[in-house]
Amino acid sequence: MSFARPHALAGCHPDTVRIVAMSAAIALNAAALLAVMRPMVATLSFDPPATPTIRLIDHSAEPKVAPPPPIDLKPLPVKRITVPVRQAKPLEIVTPTVVAPPTDEGTAAVLPDAPVAPALPTRPAAPVEATLAYVSAPAPVYPRVAIAARMQGTVTLRVLVDETGKPIDVVVESSSGHAVLDKAARAQVLANWRFQPATANGQAVKAWARIPVSFDLRQL
C-alpha cells in the first residue's frame, strides 16, 4: 500500500514520516478489525441461550412375584400304641401247718397257724457323743508357712469315729485363728489318728468326740 506524502511533511525528517505512516496504517487496521467484529459481538450478546435437552431414562418395571400356592396341610394319622400292663402277682404267704395230737378216733387233725409277718430291717443307730481314748495320735506336722509367720494356737475338732476306731469325718468346731493351722490339724487327725471305739450294750458303735490339737512354736 502506497501513501502520498502530504505536503506538510515534505520538510520533515524521513524517520518521522515513517512513524506517522505506520501509525496511520495501524489505526486503519484497528478500525477495520473493530468493524468486522462488531456484528459478531452483537450476535453473541443477544442470542438466547440454548435450552439443554433433557433425556428421560426409562426404568424397567419390577417383575411381579406371584404368591406361592396355598399348602394343604393334612393331619398325620395318630397311631395308638397299647402297652400291655402286667399285673403284679399277689404275695403268697405260706403258713405252716400244725398237726394236732390224734383224737380218740385215731385221726390227726390239721390246724392252720396264724401268718408270720416278715422281719423288718433294723436301722443303724445314730452316732453317740463320747470321750474316746487315743490309740495312735502322732504330733501334727507344723506347716512351714506357719513357722515363718510365727503362727500358733489350739484347734478344737469334732471327730466322727467308726466302729473300728478310725476317723471318718472331721469338722473344725473352734478355730485357732489361722486357717493354715486348722487345715493341717484336720488333715493330720483324719489320716493318722486312731481311737478306741465307743461301745453300747457291749457292741462297738459310731461316736462323735471333741479333740483339741495344739500348735506351739516352743515345742519345735
Protein backbone atom coordinates (compact mmCIF):
# COMPACT_ATOMS: atom_id res chain seq x y z
CA MET A 1 0.00 0.00 0.00
CA SER A 2 1.46 3.37 -1.01
CA PHE A 3 0.56 6.63 0.62
CA ALA A 4 1.01 10.03 -0.83
CA ARG A 5 3.29 12.14 1.17
CA PRO A 6 1.38 15.13 2.50
CA HIS A 7 2.62 18.46 1.73
CA ALA A 8 3.03 19.38 5.34
CA LEU A 9 5.51 16.59 5.82
CA ALA A 10 7.70 17.50 2.92
CA GLY A 11 10.29 19.16 5.03
CA CYS A 12 10.27 16.61 7.91
CA HIS A 13 12.83 14.02 8.78
CA PRO A 14 12.41 10.70 6.97
CA ASP A 15 12.05 8.74 10.29
CA THR A 16 9.26 10.97 11.43
CA VAL A 17 7.42 10.45 8.20
CA ARG A 18 7.84 6.68 8.52
CA ILE A 19 6.47 6.65 12.08
CA VAL A 20 3.45 8.71 11.11
CA ALA A 21 2.73 6.40 8.18
CA MET A 22 2.95 3.27 10.35
CA SER A 23 0.70 4.80 12.98
CA ALA A 24 -1.88 5.64 10.34
CA ALA A 25 -1.72 2.10 8.96
CA ILE A 26 -2.19 0.58 12.43
CA ALA A 27 -5.14 2.88 13.09
CA LEU A 28 -6.80 1.89 9.83
CA ASN A 29 -6.26 -1.84 10.52
CA ALA A 30 -7.69 -1.49 14.04
CA ALA A 31 -10.73 0.35 12.69
CA ALA A 32 -11.30 -2.34 10.09
CA LEU A 33 -10.97 -5.12 12.74
CA LEU A 34 -13.46 -3.40 15.00
CA ALA A 35 -15.89 -3.03 12.16
CA VAL A 36 -15.63 -6.72 11.34
CA MET A 37 -16.04 -7.93 14.99
CA ARG A 38 -18.94 -5.65 15.95
CA PRO A 39 -21.74 -7.76 14.31
CA MET A 40 -20.27 -10.95 15.87
CA VAL A 41 -20.27 -9.47 19.39
CA ALA A 42 -23.81 -8.30 18.95
CA THR A 43 -24.89 -11.72 17.81
CA LEU A 44 -23.19 -13.42 20.71
CA SER A 45 -24.68 -10.98 23.19
CA PHE A 46 -28.31 -11.10 22.12
CA ASP A 47 -28.75 -14.71 21.06
CA PRO A 48 -30.83 -16.59 23.69
CA PRO A 49 -29.01 -19.46 25.45
CA ALA A 50 -29.65 -22.88 24.07
CA THR A 51 -32.06 -24.95 26.15
CA PRO A 52 -30.40 -28.20 27.34
CA THR A 53 -32.06 -31.33 26.15
CA ILE A 54 -33.43 -33.47 29.00
CA ARG A 55 -33.34 -37.16 28.36
CA LEU A 56 -35.61 -39.39 30.38
CA ILE A 57 -34.27 -42.77 31.36
CA ASP A 58 -36.83 -45.49 31.17
CA HIS A 59 -36.61 -47.88 34.12
CA SER A 60 -37.87 -51.31 33.53
CA ALA A 61 -40.79 -52.23 35.73
CA GLU A 62 -40.01 -54.63 38.58
CA PRO A 63 -41.29 -58.11 37.90
CA LYS A 64 -44.28 -59.08 39.94
CA VAL A 65 -43.72 -62.08 42.14
CA ALA A 66 -46.66 -64.39 42.14
CA PRO A 67 -47.65 -65.59 45.64
CA PRO A 68 -46.97 -69.28 46.32
CA PRO A 69 -49.91 -71.59 46.06
CA PRO A 70 -51.59 -72.43 49.37
CA ILE A 71 -50.34 -75.56 51.10
CA ASP A 72 -52.96 -78.03 52.09
CA LEU A 73 -51.89 -79.35 55.49
CA LYS A 74 -53.35 -82.67 56.40
CA PRO A 75 -53.12 -84.00 59.94
CA LEU A 76 -50.93 -87.02 60.33
CA PRO A 77 -52.66 -90.19 61.45
CA VAL A 78 -52.13 -90.84 65.13
CA LYS A 79 -51.11 -94.36 65.93
CA ARG A 80 -52.23 -95.59 69.27
CA ILE A 81 -49.75 -97.80 70.99
CA THR A 82 -51.13 -100.12 73.54
CA VAL A 83 -48.70 -101.16 76.23
CA PRO A 84 -49.61 -104.39 77.96
CA VAL A 85 -49.96 -103.83 81.66
CA ARG A 86 -48.55 -106.54 83.76
CA GLN A 87 -50.48 -107.19 86.87
CA ALA A 88 -48.43 -107.91 89.91
CA LYS A 89 -48.99 -111.26 91.37
CA PRO A 90 -50.27 -111.20 94.92
CA LEU A 91 -47.73 -112.14 97.53
CA GLU A 92 -48.31 -115.67 98.64
CA ILE A 93 -47.83 -116.14 102.32
CA VAL A 94 -47.07 -119.69 103.23
CA THR A 95 -48.43 -120.56 106.61
CA PRO A 96 -47.05 -123.55 108.44
CA THR A 97 -49.46 -126.26 109.41
CA VAL A 98 -49.66 -127.58 112.90
CA VAL A 99 -50.56 -131.22 113.41
CA ALA A 100 -52.79 -131.74 116.38
CA PRO A 101 -52.44 -134.85 118.52
CA PRO A 102 -54.55 -137.78 117.40
CA THR A 103 -58.08 -137.90 118.66
CA ASP A 104 -59.95 -140.80 120.03
CA GLU A 105 -60.88 -141.86 116.54
CA GLY A 106 -57.18 -142.27 115.66
CA THR A 107 -57.02 -139.48 113.02
CA ALA A 108 -54.80 -136.39 113.21
CA ALA A 109 -56.46 -133.02 112.74
CA VAL A 110 -54.56 -130.35 110.77
CA LEU A 111 -54.99 -126.83 112.15
CA PRO A 112 -53.86 -123.69 110.30
CA ASP A 113 -51.49 -121.40 112.12
CA ALA A 114 -51.52 -117.59 112.07
CA PRO A 115 -49.42 -115.96 109.29
CA VAL A 116 -45.94 -114.95 110.30
CA ALA A 117 -45.05 -111.30 109.40
CA PRO A 118 -41.64 -110.78 107.74
CA ALA A 119 -38.95 -109.23 109.90
CA LEU A 120 -38.36 -105.50 109.26
CA PRO A 121 -34.77 -104.32 108.64
CA THR A 122 -33.23 -102.59 111.62
CA ARG A 123 -31.94 -99.05 111.14
CA PRO A 124 -28.38 -98.30 112.22
CA ALA A 125 -28.17 -96.40 115.46
CA ALA A 126 -27.21 -92.72 115.33
CA PRO A 127 -23.68 -91.85 116.47
CA VAL A 128 -23.40 -91.09 120.17
CA GLU A 129 -21.37 -88.43 121.98
CA ALA A 130 -18.43 -89.95 123.80
CA THR A 131 -14.97 -89.30 125.17
CA LEU A 132 -12.60 -91.62 123.32
CA ALA A 133 -9.17 -92.86 124.30
CA TYR A 134 -6.26 -92.46 121.93
CA VAL A 135 -4.65 -95.49 120.30
CA SER A 136 -2.33 -93.56 117.98
CA ALA A 137 -2.05 -89.76 118.00
CA PRO A 138 1.20 -88.50 116.42
CA ALA A 139 2.03 -84.83 116.77
CA PRO A 140 0.68 -82.74 113.88
CA VAL A 141 3.12 -81.54 111.25
CA TYR A 142 3.79 -77.81 111.72
CA PRO A 143 3.36 -76.04 108.33
CA ARG A 144 6.46 -74.15 107.19
CA VAL A 145 4.36 -71.13 106.28
CA ALA A 146 3.01 -71.00 109.82
CA ILE A 147 6.50 -71.30 111.31
CA ALA A 148 7.80 -68.46 109.11
CA ALA A 149 4.82 -66.28 110.09
CA ARG A 150 5.13 -67.24 113.78
CA MET A 151 1.58 -68.70 113.90
CA GLN A 152 0.43 -70.79 116.86
CA GLY A 153 -2.80 -71.73 118.61
CA THR A 154 -5.18 -74.58 119.51
CA VAL A 155 -7.78 -76.10 117.18
CA THR A 156 -10.83 -77.92 118.61
CA LEU A 157 -12.03 -80.63 116.21
CA ARG A 158 -15.25 -82.62 116.21
CA VAL A 159 -14.31 -86.13 115.04
CA LEU A 160 -16.67 -88.93 113.95
CA VAL A 161 -15.10 -92.32 114.75
CA ASP A 162 -16.48 -95.58 113.29
CA GLU A 163 -16.78 -98.99 114.94
CA THR A 164 -13.10 -99.78 114.25
CA GLY A 165 -11.77 -96.57 115.83
CA LYS A 166 -10.95 -94.85 112.51
CA PRO A 167 -11.92 -91.19 111.99
CA ILE A 168 -14.33 -90.90 109.05
CA ASP A 169 -15.24 -87.22 109.38
CA VAL A 170 -13.53 -84.22 110.98
CA VAL A 171 -15.13 -80.78 111.46
CA VAL A 172 -13.44 -77.65 112.84
CA GLU A 173 -15.54 -76.64 115.85
CA SER A 174 -13.25 -73.92 117.23
CA SER A 175 -10.58 -72.29 115.05
CA SER A 176 -7.07 -71.47 116.12
CA GLY A 177 -7.31 -68.14 114.37
CA HIS A 178 -5.25 -69.32 111.42
CA ALA A 179 -6.75 -71.27 108.51
CA VAL A 180 -3.37 -72.88 107.77
CA LEU A 181 -3.21 -74.47 111.24
CA ASP A 182 -6.88 -75.56 111.11
CA LYS A 183 -6.37 -77.30 107.78
CA ALA A 184 -3.17 -79.03 108.93
CA ALA A 185 -4.80 -80.33 112.15
CA ARG A 186 -7.87 -81.68 110.33
CA ALA A 187 -5.76 -83.49 107.70
CA GLN A 188 -3.45 -84.99 110.35
CA VAL A 189 -6.27 -86.37 112.52
CA LEU A 190 -8.24 -87.74 109.58
CA ALA A 191 -5.22 -89.54 108.11
CA ASN A 192 -3.12 -90.78 111.04
CA TRP A 193 -5.04 -90.80 114.34
CA ARG A 194 -6.81 -93.88 115.76
CA PHE A 195 -9.13 -94.19 118.77
CA GLN A 196 -10.74 -96.79 120.98
CA PRO A 197 -14.28 -97.17 119.55
CA ALA A 198 -17.24 -96.35 121.73
CA THR A 199 -19.42 -99.22 122.93
CA ALA A 200 -23.13 -99.52 123.62
CA ASN A 201 -24.72 -102.69 125.02
CA GLY A 202 -21.40 -104.44 124.62
CA GLN A 203 -21.09 -103.58 120.90
CA ALA A 204 -18.85 -101.06 119.14
CA VAL A 205 -20.78 -98.07 117.73
CA LYS A 206 -20.02 -94.82 115.91
CA ALA A 207 -19.38 -91.84 118.15
CA TRP A 208 -18.55 -88.12 117.97
CA ALA A 209 -15.66 -86.84 120.08
CA ARG A 210 -14.10 -83.40 120.65
CA ILE A 211 -10.33 -83.41 120.12
CA PRO A 212 -8.03 -80.42 120.83
CA VAL A 213 -4.91 -80.07 118.65
CA SER A 214 -2.25 -77.52 119.74
CA PHE A 215 0.46 -75.84 117.70
CA ASP A 216 3.22 -74.39 119.90
CA LEU A 217 6.39 -72.88 118.48
CA ARG A 218 8.22 -73.65 121.74
CA GLN A 219 7.84 -77.40 121.11
CA LEU A 220 9.68 -77.33 117.77
